[in-house]
Protein backbone atom coordinates (compact mmCIF):
# COMPACT_ATOMS: atom_id res chain seq x y z
CA UNK A 1 115.39 114.80 88.56
CA UNK A 2 117.00 111.38 88.82
CA UNK A 3 114.95 108.26 89.40
CA UNK A 4 116.57 107.85 92.82
CA UNK A 5 115.40 111.35 93.77
CA UNK A 6 111.87 110.58 92.56
CA UNK A 7 111.69 107.50 94.77
CA UNK A 8 113.05 109.47 97.73
CA UNK A 9 110.42 112.16 97.23
CA UNK A 10 107.68 109.55 96.92
CA UNK A 11 108.44 108.21 100.38
CA UNK A 12 108.89 111.67 101.94
CA UNK A 13 105.85 113.76 102.91
CA UNK A 14 105.49 116.78 100.62
CA UNK A 15 104.25 119.98 102.23
CA UNK A 16 104.91 122.36 99.34
CA UNK A 17 102.29 122.32 96.56
CA UNK A 18 104.78 123.65 94.00
CA UNK A 19 107.24 120.88 94.85
CA UNK A 20 104.49 118.29 94.46
CA UNK A 21 103.42 119.71 91.08
CA UNK A 22 107.04 119.68 89.88
CA UNK A 23 107.36 116.05 90.96
CA UNK A 24 104.23 115.12 89.02
CA UNK A 25 105.49 117.03 85.96
CA UNK A 26 108.83 115.23 86.17
CA UNK A 27 107.11 111.85 86.44
CA UNK A 28 104.99 112.63 83.38
CA UNK A 29 108.10 113.74 81.45
CA UNK A 30 109.93 110.51 82.31
CA UNK A 31 106.91 108.42 81.31
CA UNK A 32 106.59 110.26 77.98
CA UNK A 33 110.29 109.83 77.27
CA UNK A 34 110.09 106.12 78.03
CA UNK A 35 107.07 105.69 75.76
CA UNK A 36 108.76 107.65 72.96
CA UNK A 37 111.69 105.23 72.95
CA UNK A 38 109.51 102.09 72.77
CA UNK A 39 108.19 100.36 69.69
CA UNK A 40 104.47 100.85 68.96
CA UNK A 41 103.49 97.47 70.43
CA UNK A 42 105.08 98.28 73.79
CA UNK A 43 103.68 101.82 73.69
CA UNK A 44 100.14 100.45 73.58
CA UNK A 45 100.89 98.07 76.44
CA UNK A 46 102.38 100.77 78.70
CA UNK A 47 100.44 103.91 77.73
CA UNK A 48 98.23 103.82 80.84
CA UNK A 49 101.07 103.27 83.32
CA UNK A 50 103.23 105.78 85.15
CA UNK A 51 107.01 105.55 84.77
CA UNK A 52 107.53 103.62 88.00
CA UNK A 53 105.04 100.93 86.96
CA UNK A 54 106.67 100.69 83.52
CA UNK A 55 110.11 100.25 85.06
CA UNK A 56 108.92 97.58 87.48
CA UNK A 57 107.08 95.66 84.76
CA UNK A 58 109.94 95.83 82.25
CA UNK A 59 112.43 94.81 84.93
CA UNK A 60 110.32 91.79 85.84
CA UNK A 61 109.91 90.73 82.20
CA UNK A 62 113.56 91.07 81.26
CA UNK A 63 114.86 89.48 84.46
CA UNK A 64 112.64 86.49 83.79
CA UNK A 65 113.84 86.35 80.17
CA UNK A 66 117.50 86.56 81.22
CA UNK A 67 117.00 83.78 83.76
CA UNK A 68 115.38 81.61 81.09
CA UNK A 69 118.25 82.23 78.64
CA UNK A 70 120.85 81.26 81.25
């Protein structure tokens, strides 16, 4: 499931329990994959966050860093 689809599902009411469970499983898979690609220091920092929170936090950090470098 693409990230765009995850966001769309998050804002759409879910009536089907199986669909909801699949969404949660997909979100966990994405979070695990993201953590697996990070160095150990970042893993500790992000281990208690879901994928969406990780993405938002990393985006904020690196946008700020890019602005500073410019």
